[in-house]
Amino acid sequence: MKIKELRLLNLTIKQNDQIIYQGKAEEVPKNLKEQEYKKIYFQGVDVILEI
């Protein structure tokens, strides 16, 4: 699934254990929207995506 398909969530996007985006799903930068994630999980009220 692509990142752009997620809605109404607070996201943290990580790559190589570094946070590259943190914020609302609707505001993800264009360069990240088309990427597919390898792993998804919840941490508190946030959704964590690893790419």
Protein backbone atom coordinates (compact mmCIF):
# COMPACT_ATOMS: atom_id res chain seq x y z
CA MET A 1 0.00 0.00 0.00
CA LYS A 2 1.24 3.50 -0.78
CA ILE A 3 1.53 6.19 1.86
CA LYS A 4 -0.86 8.49 -0.03
CA GLU A 5 -3.70 6.00 0.59
CA LEU A 6 -3.68 6.63 4.34
CA ARG A 7 -6.11 9.24 5.70
CA LEU A 8 -6.92 10.98 8.98
CA LEU A 9 -3.89 9.67 10.85
CA ASN A 10 -0.90 11.14 12.63
CA LEU A 11 2.12 9.56 10.98
CA THR A 12 5.76 9.13 11.76
CA ILE A 13 7.73 7.95 8.73
CA LYS A 14 11.11 6.40 9.41
CA GLN A 15 13.91 5.33 7.13
CA ASN A 16 16.90 3.49 8.60
CA ASP A 17 15.62 4.26 12.14
CA GLN A 18 15.63 8.02 11.45
CA ILE A 19 12.44 10.07 11.41
CA ILE A 20 12.03 11.70 8.00
CA TYR A 21 8.45 12.98 8.47
CA GLN A 22 6.15 13.51 11.41
CA GLY A 23 2.67 14.97 11.03
CA LYS A 24 -0.74 14.49 9.45
CA ALA A 25 -1.23 11.92 6.69
CA GLU A 26 -2.84 14.52 4.42
CA GLU A 27 0.26 16.75 4.62
CA VAL A 28 2.92 14.17 3.69
CA PRO A 29 5.40 15.71 1.20
CA LYS A 30 4.87 14.72 -2.42
CA ASN A 31 8.21 12.91 -2.63
CA LEU A 32 7.04 10.47 0.08
CA LYS A 33 3.42 9.96 -0.98
CA GLU A 34 4.25 7.47 -3.74
CA GLN A 35 6.55 5.34 -1.59
CA GLU A 36 5.42 2.01 -0.28
CA TYR A 37 6.07 1.13 3.32
CA LYS A 38 7.69 -2.07 4.55
CA LYS A 39 6.29 -2.06 8.07
CA ILE A 40 3.40 -0.33 9.85
CA TYR A 41 2.56 -0.31 13.56
CA PHE A 42 1.02 1.83 16.30
CA GLN A 43 2.98 3.63 18.99
CA GLY A 44 0.58 5.39 21.35
CA VAL A 45 -1.85 7.28 19.12
CA ASP A 46 0.56 7.59 16.17
CA VAL A 47 1.02 5.26 13.23
CA ILE A 48 4.66 4.45 12.50
CA LEU A 49 5.66 3.62 8.93
CA GLU A 50 9.05 2.22 8.02
CA ILE A 51 10.16 2.65 4.43
